[in-house]
């Protein structure tokens, strides 16, 4: 669990702060996957972020790279279930799942 802590670090001790924060957030609070197999209209995506407080976005993997509307169910704290109206072609859609802190 996260809690608020006060820390004091002299500016002379900090190097490459933005890169370190970006790496930490990018590696620990986001998940991506491609979906589509030409048959299914429902996809269970295991993100393992440990919370239902996630934002789900999807876009087409080829031109025009537009957003795709999906029904999103936060099935558990580790899984979202996505539903489409019709089957997607193989890896047609890129799904981005971000933990909301």
PDB file of N, CA and C in Angstrom:
ATOM      1  N   UNK A   1       0.839  -1.180   0.000  1.00  0.00           N
ATOM      2  CA  UNK A   1       0.000   0.000   0.000  1.00  0.00           C
ATOM      3  C   UNK A   1       0.878   1.235   0.000  1.00  0.00           C
ATOM      4  N   UNK A   2       0.376   2.274  -0.608  1.00  0.00           N
ATOM      5  CA  UNK A   2       1.122   3.516  -0.682  1.00  0.00           C
ATOM      6  C   UNK A   2       0.739   4.394   0.500  1.00  0.00           C
ATOM      7  N   UNK A   3       1.711   5.116   1.037  1.00  0.00           N
ATOM      8  CA  UNK A   3       1.436   6.085   2.087  1.00  0.00           C
ATOM      9  C   UNK A   3       2.306   7.302   1.841  1.00  0.00           C
ATOM     10  N   UNK A   4       1.882   8.423   2.402  1.00  0.00           N
ATOM     11  CA  UNK A   4       2.609   9.666   2.208  1.00  0.00           C
ATOM     12  C   UNK A   4       3.802   9.715   3.147  1.00  0.00           C
ATOM     13  N   UNK A   5       4.970  10.017   2.600  1.00  0.00           N
ATOM     14  CA  UNK A   5       6.198  10.156   3.380  1.00  0.00           C
ATOM     15  C   UNK A   5       6.898  11.435   2.970  1.00  0.00           C
ATOM     16  N   UNK A   6       7.526  12.092   3.914  1.00  0.00           N
ATOM     17  CA  UNK A   6       8.314  13.278   3.630  1.00  0.00           C
ATOM     18  C   UNK A   6       9.776  12.865   3.547  1.00  0.00           C
ATOM     19  N   UNK A   7      10.424  13.268   2.462  1.00  0.00           N
ATOM     20  CA  UNK A   7      11.843  12.986   2.307  1.00  0.00           C
ATOM     21  C   UNK A   7      12.559  14.282   1.963  1.00  0.00           C
ATOM     22  N   UNK A   8      13.818  14.359   2.340  1.00  0.00           N
ATOM     23  CA  UNK A   8      14.632  15.534   2.020  1.00  0.00           C
ATOM     24  C   UNK A   8      15.931  15.046   1.391  1.00  0.00           C
ATOM     25  N   UNK A   9      16.123  15.411   0.149  1.00  0.00           N
ATOM     26  CA  UNK A   9      17.336  15.023  -0.574  1.00  0.00           C
ATOM     27  C   UNK A   9      17.929  16.296  -1.175  1.00  0.00           C
ATOM     28  N   UNK A  10      19.181  16.583  -0.860  1.00  0.00           N
ATOM     29  CA  UNK A  10      19.800  17.773  -1.449  1.00  0.00           C
ATOM     30  C   UNK A  10      19.856  17.663  -2.978  1.00  0.00           C
ATOM     31  N   UNK A  11      19.632  18.771  -3.659  1.00  0.00           N
ATOM     32  CA  UNK A  11      19.632  18.785  -5.121  1.00  0.00           C
ATOM     33  C   UNK A  11      20.940  18.237  -5.682  1.00  0.00           C
ATOM     34  N   UNK A  12      22.038  18.429  -5.000  1.00  0.00           N
ATOM     35  CA  UNK A  12      23.333  17.947  -5.489  1.00  0.00           C
ATOM     36  C   UNK A  12      23.399  16.410  -5.500  1.00  0.00           C
ATOM     37  N   UNK A  13      22.495  15.746  -4.814  1.00  0.00           N
ATOM     38  CA  UNK A  13      22.477  14.284  -4.747  1.00  0.00           C
ATOM     39  C   UNK A  13      21.605  13.647  -5.825  1.00  0.00           C
ATOM     40  N   UNK A  14      20.886  14.465  -6.581  1.00  0.00           N
ATOM     41  CA  UNK A  14      19.930  13.939  -7.561  1.00  0.00           C
ATOM     42  C   UNK A  14      20.527  13.995  -8.959  1.00  0.00           C
ATOM     43  N   UNK A  15      20.560  12.845  -9.630  1.00  0.00           N
ATOM     44  CA  UNK A  15      20.969  12.785 -11.022  1.00  0.00           C
ATOM     45  C   UNK A  15      19.968  11.933 -11.783  1.00  0.00           C
ATOM     46  N   UNK A  16      19.611  12.362 -12.936  1.00  0.00           N
ATOM     47  CA  UNK A  16      18.724  11.614 -13.836  1.00  0.00           C
ATOM     48  C   UNK A  16      17.389  11.238 -13.189  1.00  0.00           C
ATOM     49  N   UNK A  17      16.840  12.149 -12.383  1.00  0.00           N
ATOM     50  CA  UNK A  17      15.598  11.912 -11.650  1.00  0.00           C
ATOM     51  C   UNK A  17      14.440  11.563 -12.584  1.00  0.00           C
ATOM     52  N   UNK A  18      14.228  12.337 -13.625  1.00  0.00           N
ATOM     53  CA  UNK A  18      13.098  12.105 -14.530  1.00  0.00           C
ATOM     54  C   UNK A  18      13.165  10.727 -15.169  1.00  0.00           C
ATOM     55  N   UNK A  19      14.324  10.305 -15.583  1.00  0.00           N
ATOM     56  CA  UNK A  19      14.478   8.987 -16.197  1.00  0.00           C
ATOM     57  C   UNK A  19      14.145   7.875 -15.203  1.00  0.00           C
ATOM     58  N   UNK A  20      14.600   8.019 -13.962  1.00  0.00           N
ATOM     59  CA  UNK A  20      14.335   7.007 -12.942  1.00  0.00           C
ATOM     60  C   UNK A  20      12.847   6.920 -12.630  1.00  0.00           C
ATOM     61  N   UNK A  21      12.179   8.054 -12.513  1.00  0.00           N
ATOM     62  CA  UNK A  21      10.740   8.068 -12.227  1.00  0.00           C
ATOM     63  C   UNK A  21       9.969   7.482 -13.402  1.00  0.00           C
ATOM     64  N   UNK A  22      10.325   7.859 -14.611  1.00  0.00           N
ATOM     65  CA  UNK A  22       9.654   7.340 -15.798  1.00  0.00           C
ATOM     66  C   UNK A  22       9.791   5.828 -15.876  1.00  0.00           C
ATOM     67  N   UNK A  23      10.961   5.306 -15.603  1.00  0.00           N
ATOM     68  CA  UNK A  23      11.186   3.865 -15.619  1.00  0.00           C
ATOM     69  C   UNK A  23      10.344   3.176 -14.564  1.00  0.00           C
ATOM     70  N   UNK A  24      10.311   3.716 -13.369  1.00  0.00           N
ATOM     71  CA  UNK A  24       9.534   3.115 -12.270  1.00  0.00           C
ATOM     72  C   UNK A  24       8.047   3.089 -12.600  1.00  0.00           C
ATOM     73  N   UNK A  25       7.516   4.189 -13.044  1.00  0.00           N
ATOM     74  CA  UNK A  25       6.095   4.252 -13.365  1.00  0.00           C
ATOM     75  C   UNK A  25       5.782   3.389 -14.582  1.00  0.00           C
ATOM     76  N   UNK A  26       6.617   3.476 -15.600  1.00  0.00           N
ATOM     77  CA  UNK A  26       6.386   2.707 -16.810  1.00  0.00           C
ATOM     78  C   UNK A  26       6.423   1.212 -16.580  1.00  0.00           C
ATOM     79  N   UNK A  27       7.305   0.758 -15.719  1.00  0.00           N
ATOM     80  CA  UNK A  27       7.459  -0.676 -15.485  1.00  0.00           C
ATOM     81  C   UNK A  27       6.457  -1.235 -14.486  1.00  0.00           C
ATOM     82  N   UNK A  28       5.947  -0.417 -13.599  1.00  0.00           N
ATOM     83  CA  UNK A  28       5.172  -0.940 -12.496  1.00  0.00           C
ATOM     84  C   UNK A  28       3.690  -0.566 -12.501  1.00  0.00           C
ATOM     85  N   UNK A  29       3.264   0.325 -13.354  1.00  0.00           N
ATOM     86  CA  UNK A  29       1.890   0.805 -13.286  1.00  0.00           C
ATOM     87  C   UNK A  29       1.165   0.790 -14.625  1.00  0.00           C
ATOM     88  N   UNK A  30       1.741   0.133 -15.612  1.00  0.00           N
ATOM     89  CA  UNK A  30       1.141   0.073 -16.948  1.00  0.00           C
ATOM     90  C   UNK A  30       1.222  -1.347 -17.500  1.00  0.00           C
ATOM     91  N   UNK A  31       0.303  -1.648 -18.414  1.00  0.00           N
ATOM     92  CA  UNK A  31       0.315  -2.946 -19.085  1.00  0.00           C
ATOM     93  C   UNK A  31      -0.227  -2.741 -20.494  1.00  0.00           C
ATOM     94  N   UNK A  32       0.355  -3.403 -21.470  1.00  0.00           N
ATOM     95  CA  UNK A  32      -0.142  -3.338 -22.843  1.00  0.00           C
ATOM     96  C   UNK A  32      -0.277  -4.743 -23.417  1.00  0.00           C
ATOM     97  N   UNK A  33      -1.210  -4.888 -24.348  1.00  0.00           N
ATOM     98  CA  UNK A  33      -1.401  -6.171 -25.027  1.00  0.00           C
ATOM     99  C   UNK A  33      -2.100  -5.922 -26.351  1.00  0.00           C
ATOM    100  N   UNK A  34      -1.886  -6.814 -27.290  1.00  0.00           N
ATOM    101  CA  UNK A  34      -2.635  -6.806 -28.540  1.00  0.00           C
ATOM    102  C   UNK A  34      -3.758  -7.822 -28.417  1.00  0.00           C
ATOM    103  N   UNK A  35      -4.937  -7.477 -28.950  1.00  0.00           N
ATOM    104  CA  UNK A  35      -6.041  -8.426 -28.937  1.00  0.00           C
ATOM    105  C   UNK A  35      -6.596  -8.594 -30.340  1.00  0.00           C
ATOM    106  N   UNK A  36      -7.224  -9.726 -30.554  1.00  0.00           N
ATOM    107  CA  UNK A  36      -7.825 -10.062 -31.831  1.00  0.00           C
ATOM    108  C   UNK A  36      -7.302 -11.395 -32.304  1.00  0.00           C
ATOM    109  N   UNK A  37      -8.242 -12.274 -32.714  1.00  0.00           N
ATOM    110  CA  UNK A  37      -7.831 -13.574 -33.243  1.00  0.00           C
ATOM    111  C   UNK A  37      -8.734 -14.023 -34.393  1.00  0.00           C
ATOM    112  N   UNK A  38      -9.609 -13.116 -34.845  1.00  0.00           N
ATOM    113  CA  UNK A  38     -10.486 -13.424 -35.958  1.00  0.00           C
ATOM    114  C   UNK A  38     -11.762 -14.154 -35.575  1.00  0.00           C
ATOM    115  N   UNK A  39     -11.890 -14.555 -34.294  1.00  0.00           N
ATOM    116  CA  UNK A  39     -13.051 -15.334 -33.868  1.00  0.00           C
ATOM    117  C   UNK A  39     -13.734 -14.735 -32.636  1.00  0.00           C
ATOM    118  N   UNK A  40     -12.962 -14.464 -31.596  1.00  0.00           N
ATOM    119  CA  UNK A  40     -13.516 -14.063 -30.302  1.00  0.00           C
ATOM    120  C   UNK A  40     -14.047 -12.634 -30.304  1.00  0.00           C
ATOM    121  N   UNK A  41     -15.022 -12.391 -29.439  1.00  0.00           N
ATOM    122  CA  UNK A  41     -15.516 -11.041 -29.183  1.00  0.00           C
ATOM    123  C   UNK A  41     -15.296 -10.654 -27.724  1.00  0.00           C
ATOM    124  N   UNK A  42     -14.783 -11.577 -26.925  1.00  0.00           N
ATOM    125  CA  UNK A  42     -14.487 -11.318 -25.517  1.00  0.00           C
ATOM    126  C   UNK A  42     -13.043 -11.708 -25.237  1.00  0.00           C
ATOM    127  N   UNK A  43     -12.329 -10.845 -24.512  1.00  0.00           N
ATOM    128  CA  UNK A  43     -10.914 -11.059 -24.216  1.00  0.00           C
ATOM    129  C   UNK A  43     -10.663 -10.766 -22.742  1.00  0.00           C
ATOM    130  N   UNK A  44     -10.162 -11.734 -21.990  1.00  0.00           N
ATOM    131  CA  UNK A  44      -9.760 -11.539 -20.602  1.00  0.00           C
ATOM    132  C   UNK A  44      -8.278 -11.195 -20.603  1.00  0.00           C
ATOM    133  N   UNK A  45      -7.953 -10.006 -20.134  1.00  0.00           N
ATOM    134  CA  UNK A  45      -6.577  -9.528 -20.128  1.00  0.00           C
ATOM    135  C   UNK A  45      -6.073  -9.483 -18.681  1.00  0.00           C
ATOM    136  N   UNK A  46      -5.036 -10.254 -18.398  1.00  0.00           N
ATOM    137  CA  UNK A  46      -4.441 -10.257 -17.059  1.00  0.00           C
ATOM    138  C   UNK A  46      -3.347  -9.200 -17.002  1.00  0.00           C
ATOM    139  N   UNK A  47      -3.569  -8.165 -16.203  1.00  0.00           N
ATOM    140  CA  UNK A  47      -2.603  -7.067 -16.090  1.00  0.00           C
ATOM    141  C   UNK A  47      -1.796  -7.134 -14.795  1.00  0.00           C
ATOM    142  N   UNK A  48      -2.303  -7.813 -13.769  1.00  0.00           N
ATOM    143  CA  UNK A  48      -1.618  -7.971 -12.476  1.00  0.00           C
ATOM    144  C   UNK A  48      -1.213  -6.655 -11.817  1.00  0.00           C
ATOM    145  N   UNK A  49      -2.003  -5.603 -12.004  1.00  0.00           N
ATOM    146  CA  UNK A  49      -1.701  -4.321 -11.367  1.00  0.00           C
ATOM    147  C   UNK A  49      -2.239  -4.253  -9.938  1.00  0.00           C
ATOM    148  N   UNK A  50      -3.060  -5.212  -9.538  1.00  0.00           N
ATOM    149  CA  UNK A  50      -3.501  -5.296  -8.155  1.00  0.00           C
ATOM    150  C   UNK A  50      -4.577  -4.309  -7.751  1.00  0.00           C
ATOM    151  N   UNK A  51      -5.338  -3.777  -8.719  1.00  0.00           N
ATOM    152  CA  UNK A  51      -6.390  -2.813  -8.412  1.00  0.00           C
ATOM    153  C   UNK A  51      -7.424  -2.781  -9.529  1.00  0.00           C
ATOM    154  N   UNK A  52      -8.651  -2.415  -9.166  1.00  0.00           N
ATOM    155  CA  UNK A  52      -9.677  -2.168 -10.181  1.00  0.00           C
ATOM    156  C   UNK A  52      -9.613  -0.724 -10.676  1.00  0.00           C
ATOM    157  N   UNK A  53      -8.809   0.091 -10.011  1.00  0.00           N
ATOM    158  CA  UNK A  53      -8.658   1.499 -10.402  1.00  0.00           C
ATOM    159  C   UNK A  53      -7.701   1.607 -11.576  1.00  0.00           C
ATOM    160  N   UNK A  54      -8.181   1.194 -12.739  1.00  0.00           N
ATOM    161  CA  UNK A  54      -7.373   1.243 -13.955  1.00  0.00           C
ATOM    162  C   UNK A  54      -8.132   1.963 -15.058  1.00  0.00           C
ATOM    163  N   UNK A  55      -7.387   2.594 -15.929  1.00  0.00           N
ATOM    164  CA  UNK A  55      -7.927   3.235 -17.125  1.00  0.00           C
ATOM    165  C   UNK A  55      -7.554   2.348 -18.306  1.00  0.00           C
ATOM    166  N   UNK A  56      -8.540   2.049 -19.145  1.00  0.00           N
ATOM    167  CA  UNK A  56      -8.315   1.177 -20.292  1.00  0.00           C
ATOM    168  C   UNK A  56      -8.558   1.967 -21.568  1.00  0.00           C
ATOM    169  N   UNK A  57      -7.573   1.938 -22.461  1.00  0.00           N
ATOM    170  CA  UNK A  57      -7.683   2.606 -23.753  1.00  0.00           C
ATOM    171  C   UNK A  57      -7.311   1.599 -24.832  1.00  0.00           C
ATOM    172  N   UNK A  58      -7.899   1.769 -25.999  1.00  0.00           N
ATOM    173  CA  UNK A  58      -7.607   0.851 -27.100  1.00  0.00           C
ATOM    174  C   UNK A  58      -7.559   1.616 -28.415  1.00  0.00           C
ATOM    175  N   UNK A  59      -6.664   1.187 -29.292  1.00  0.00           N
ATOM    176  CA  UNK A  59      -6.583   1.793 -30.623  1.00  0.00           C
ATOM    177  C   UNK A  59      -6.223   0.725 -31.650  1.00  0.00           C
ATOM    178  N   UNK A  60      -6.582   1.012 -32.891  1.00  0.00           N
ATOM    179  CA  UNK A  60      -6.306   0.107 -33.997  1.00  0.00           C
ATOM    180  C   UNK A  60      -4.799   0.093 -34.280  1.00  0.00           C
ATOM    181  N   UNK A  61      -4.242  -1.102 -34.492  1.00  0.00           N
ATOM    182  CA  UNK A  61      -2.806  -1.278 -34.716  1.00  0.00           C
ATOM    183  C   UNK A  61      -2.344  -0.907 -36.120  1.00  0.00           C
ATOM    184  N   UNK A  62      -3.252  -0.483 -36.971  1.00  0.00           N
ATOM    185  CA  UNK A  62      -2.870  -0.061 -38.324  1.00  0.00           C
ATOM    186  C   UNK A  62      -3.631   1.216 -38.659  1.00  0.00           C
ATOM    187  N   UNK A  63      -3.223   1.841 -39.729  1.00  0.00           N
ATOM    188  CA  UNK A  63      -3.820   3.112 -40.141  1.00  0.00           C
ATOM    189  C   UNK A  63      -5.338   2.973 -40.223  1.00  0.00           C
ATOM    190  N   UNK A  64      -6.063   3.876 -39.646  1.00  0.00           N
ATOM    191  CA  UNK A  64      -5.707   5.222 -39.205  1.00  0.00           C
ATOM    192  C   UNK A  64      -5.318   5.324 -37.734  1.00  0.00           C
ATOM    193  N   UNK A  65      -5.041   4.206 -37.042  1.00  0.00           N
ATOM    194  CA  UNK A  65      -4.641   4.192 -35.631  1.00  0.00           C
ATOM    195  C   UNK A  65      -5.650   4.933 -34.755  1.00  0.00           C
ATOM    196  N   UNK A  66      -6.923   4.738 -35.064  1.00  0.00           N
ATOM    197  CA  UNK A  66      -7.991   5.417 -34.333  1.00  0.00           C
ATOM    198  C   UNK A  66      -8.358   4.651 -33.062  1.00  0.00           C
ATOM    199  N   UNK A  67      -9.007   5.355 -32.140  1.00  0.00           N
ATOM    200  CA  UNK A  67      -9.469   4.730 -30.901  1.00  0.00           C
ATOM    201  C   UNK A  67     -10.578   3.734 -31.206  1.00  0.00           C
ATOM    202  N   UNK A  68     -10.608   2.676 -30.419  1.00  0.00           N
ATOM    203  CA  UNK A  68     -11.605   1.627 -30.583  1.00  0.00           C
ATOM    204  C   UNK A  68     -12.436   1.566 -29.302  1.00  0.00           C
ATOM    205  N   UNK A  69     -13.755   1.559 -29.454  1.00  0.00           N
ATOM    206  CA  UNK A  69     -14.651   1.470 -28.308  1.00  0.00           C
ATOM    207  C   UNK A  69     -14.843   0.002 -27.928  1.00  0.00           C
ATOM    208  N   UNK A  70     -14.618  -0.309 -26.670  1.00  0.00           N
ATOM    209  CA  UNK A  70     -14.794  -1.655 -26.138  1.00  0.00           C
ATOM    210  C   UNK A  70     -15.638  -1.574 -24.876  1.00  0.00           C
ATOM    211  N   UNK A  71     -16.357  -2.621 -24.573  1.00  0.00           N
ATOM    212  CA  UNK A  71     -16.990  -2.725 -23.265  1.00  0.00           C
ATOM    213  C   UNK A  71     -15.923  -3.231 -22.310  1.00  0.00           C
ATOM    214  N   UNK A  72     -15.744  -2.544 -21.183  1.00  0.00           N
ATOM    215  CA  UNK A  72     -14.699  -2.883 -20.225  1.00  0.00           C
ATOM    216  C   UNK A  72     -15.338  -3.299 -18.909  1.00  0.00           C
ATOM    217  N   UNK A  73     -14.973  -4.481 -18.442  1.00  0.00           N
ATOM    218  CA  UNK A  73     -15.395  -4.949 -17.124  1.00  0.00           C
ATOM    219  C   UNK A  73     -14.141  -5.203 -16.306  1.00  0.00           C
ATOM    220  N   UNK A  74     -14.062  -4.596 -15.145  1.00  0.00           N
ATOM    221  CA  UNK A  74     -12.929  -4.818 -14.248  1.00  0.00           C
ATOM    222  C   UNK A  74     -13.234  -6.080 -13.442  1.00  0.00           C
ATOM    223  N   UNK A  75     -12.927  -7.219 -14.031  1.00  0.00           N
ATOM    224  CA  UNK A  75     -13.305  -8.536 -13.534  1.00  0.00           C
ATOM    225  C   UNK A  75     -12.734  -8.817 -12.152  1.00  0.00           C
ATOM    226  N   UNK A  76     -11.506  -8.414 -11.905  1.00  0.00           N
ATOM    227  CA  UNK A  76     -10.841  -8.578 -10.608  1.00  0.00           C
ATOM    228  C   UNK A  76      -9.776  -7.496 -10.504  1.00  0.00           C
ATOM    229  N   UNK A  77      -8.984  -7.545  -9.452  1.00  0.00           N
ATOM    230  CA  UNK A  77      -7.912  -6.559  -9.309  1.00  0.00           C
ATOM    231  C   UNK A  77      -6.721  -6.862 -10.215  1.00  0.00           C
ATOM    232  N   UNK A  78      -6.794  -7.982 -10.937  1.00  0.00           N
ATOM    233  CA  UNK A  78      -5.706  -8.355 -11.847  1.00  0.00           C
ATOM    234  C   UNK A  78      -6.145  -8.570 -13.285  1.00  0.00           C
ATOM    235  N   UNK A  79      -7.460  -8.530 -13.538  1.00  0.00           N
ATOM    236  CA  UNK A  79      -7.970  -8.861 -14.870  1.00  0.00           C
ATOM    237  C   UNK A  79      -9.041  -7.863 -15.293  1.00  0.00           C
ATOM    238  N   UNK A  80      -8.990  -7.471 -16.570  1.00  0.00           N
ATOM    239  CA  UNK A  80     -10.107  -6.760 -17.200  1.00  0.00           C
ATOM    240  C   UNK A  80     -10.621  -7.652 -18.322  1.00  0.00           C
ATOM    241  N   UNK A  81     -11.926  -7.632 -18.505  1.00  0.00           N
ATOM    242  CA  UNK A  81     -12.525  -8.381 -19.603  1.00  0.00           C
ATOM    243  C   UNK A  81     -13.062  -7.371 -20.598  1.00  0.00           C
ATOM    244  N   UNK A  82     -12.640  -7.511 -21.842  1.00  0.00           N
ATOM    245  CA  UNK A  82     -13.003  -6.583 -22.904  1.00  0.00           C
ATOM    246  C   UNK A  82     -13.930  -7.287 -23.875  1.00  0.00           C
ATOM    247  N   UNK A  83     -14.930  -6.547 -24.357  1.00  0.00           N
ATOM    248  CA  UNK A  83     -15.871  -7.138 -25.304  1.00  0.00           C
ATOM    249  C   UNK A  83     -16.029  -6.220 -26.503  1.00  0.00           C
ATOM    250  N   UNK A  84     -16.048  -6.833 -27.676  1.00  0.00           N
ATOM    251  CA  UNK A  84     -16.254  -6.114 -28.930  1.00  0.00           C
ATOM    252  C   UNK A  84     -17.582  -6.558 -29.545  1.00  0.00           C
ATOM    253  N   UNK A  85     -18.101  -5.758 -30.452  1.00  0.00           N
ATOM    254  CA  UNK A  85     -19.360  -6.096 -31.122  1.00  0.00           C
ATOM    255  C   UNK A  85     -19.150  -7.239 -32.108  1.00  0.00           C
ATOM    256  N   UNK A  86     -18.038  -7.201 -32.824  1.00  0.00           N
ATOM    257  CA  UNK A  86     -17.725  -8.253 -33.790  1.00  0.00           C
ATOM    258  C   UNK A  86     -16.266  -8.681 -33.605  1.00  0.00           C
ATOM    259  N   UNK A  87     -15.902  -9.861 -34.092  1.00  0.00           N
ATOM    260  CA  UNK A  87     -14.524 -10.341 -33.920  1.00  0.00           C
ATOM    261  C   UNK A  87     -13.501  -9.382 -34.535  1.00  0.00           C
ATOM    262  N   UNK A  88     -12.355  -9.288 -33.893  1.00  0.00           N
ATOM    263  CA  UNK A  88     -11.238  -8.487 -34.392  1.00  0.00           C
ATOM    264  C   UNK A  88     -10.288  -9.401 -35.146  1.00  0.00           C
ATOM    265  N   UNK A  89      -9.633  -8.866 -36.162  1.00  0.00           N
ATOM    266  CA  UNK A  89      -8.623  -9.655 -36.862  1.00  0.00           C
ATOM    267  C   UNK A  89      -7.416  -9.849 -35.938  1.00  0.00           C
ATOM    268  N   UNK A  90      -6.510 -10.706 -36.315  1.00  0.00           N
ATOM    269  CA  UNK A  90      -5.361 -11.031 -35.478  1.00  0.00           C
ATOM    270  C   UNK A  90      -4.581  -9.775 -35.083  1.00  0.00           C
ATOM    271  N   UNK A  91      -4.458  -9.576 -33.756  1.00  0.00           N
ATOM    272  CA  UNK A  91      -3.729  -8.430 -33.184  1.00  0.00           C
ATOM    273  C   UNK A  91      -4.193  -7.084 -33.736  1.00  0.00           C
ATOM    274  N   UNK A  92      -5.454  -6.962 -34.073  1.00  0.00           N
ATOM    275  CA  UNK A  92      -5.986  -5.737 -34.677  1.00  0.00           C
ATOM    276  C   UNK A  92      -5.941  -4.542 -33.728  1.00  0.00           C
ATOM    277  N   UNK A  93      -6.111  -4.792 -32.424  1.00  0.00           N
ATOM    278  CA  UNK A  93      -6.248  -3.689 -31.470  1.00  0.00           C
ATOM    279  C   UNK A  93      -5.172  -3.771 -30.393  1.00  0.00           C
ATOM    280  N   UNK A  94      -4.600  -2.623 -30.067  1.00  0.00           N
ATOM    281  CA  UNK A  94      -3.625  -2.483 -28.972  1.00  0.00           C
ATOM    282  C   UNK A  94      -4.383  -1.947 -27.769  1.00  0.00           C
ATOM    283  N   UNK A  95      -4.238  -2.618 -26.619  1.00  0.00           N
ATOM    284  CA  UNK A  95      -4.904  -2.224 -25.384  1.00  0.00           C
ATOM    285  C   UNK A  95      -3.845  -1.702 -24.412  1.00  0.00           C
ATOM    286  N   UNK A  96      -4.124  -0.558 -23.818  1.00  0.00           N
ATOM    287  CA  UNK A  96      -3.237   0.039 -22.821  1.00  0.00           C
ATOM    288  C   UNK A  96      -4.011   0.132 -21.512  1.00  0.00           C
ATOM    289  N   UNK A  97      -3.449  -0.434 -20.457  1.00  0.00           N
ATOM    290  CA  UNK A  97      -4.087  -0.427 -19.145  1.00  0.00           C
ATOM    291  C   UNK A  97      -3.156   0.309 -18.189  1.00  0.00           C
ATOM    292  N   UNK A  98      -3.671   1.353 -17.540  1.00  0.00           N
ATOM    293  CA  UNK A  98      -2.873   2.175 -16.653  1.00  0.00           C
ATOM    294  C   UNK A  98      -3.501   2.228 -15.274  1.00  0.00           C
ATOM    295  N   UNK A  99      -2.714   1.932 -14.255  1.00  0.00           N
ATOM    296  CA  UNK A  99      -3.184   2.045 -12.880  1.00  0.00           C
ATOM    297  C   UNK A  99      -3.365   3.520 -12.537  1.00  0.00           C
ATOM    298  N   UNK A 100      -4.485   3.840 -11.922  1.00  0.00           N
ATOM    299  CA  UNK A 100      -4.751   5.202 -11.499  1.00  0.00           C
ATOM    300  C   UNK A 100      -4.303   5.320 -10.048  1.00  0.00           C
ATOM    301  N   UNK A 101      -3.291   6.129  -9.819  1.00  0.00           N
ATOM    302  CA  UNK A 101      -2.718   6.266  -8.479  1.00  0.00           C
ATOM    303  C   UNK A 101      -3.426   7.317  -7.668  1.00  0.00           C
TER     304      UNK A 101
END
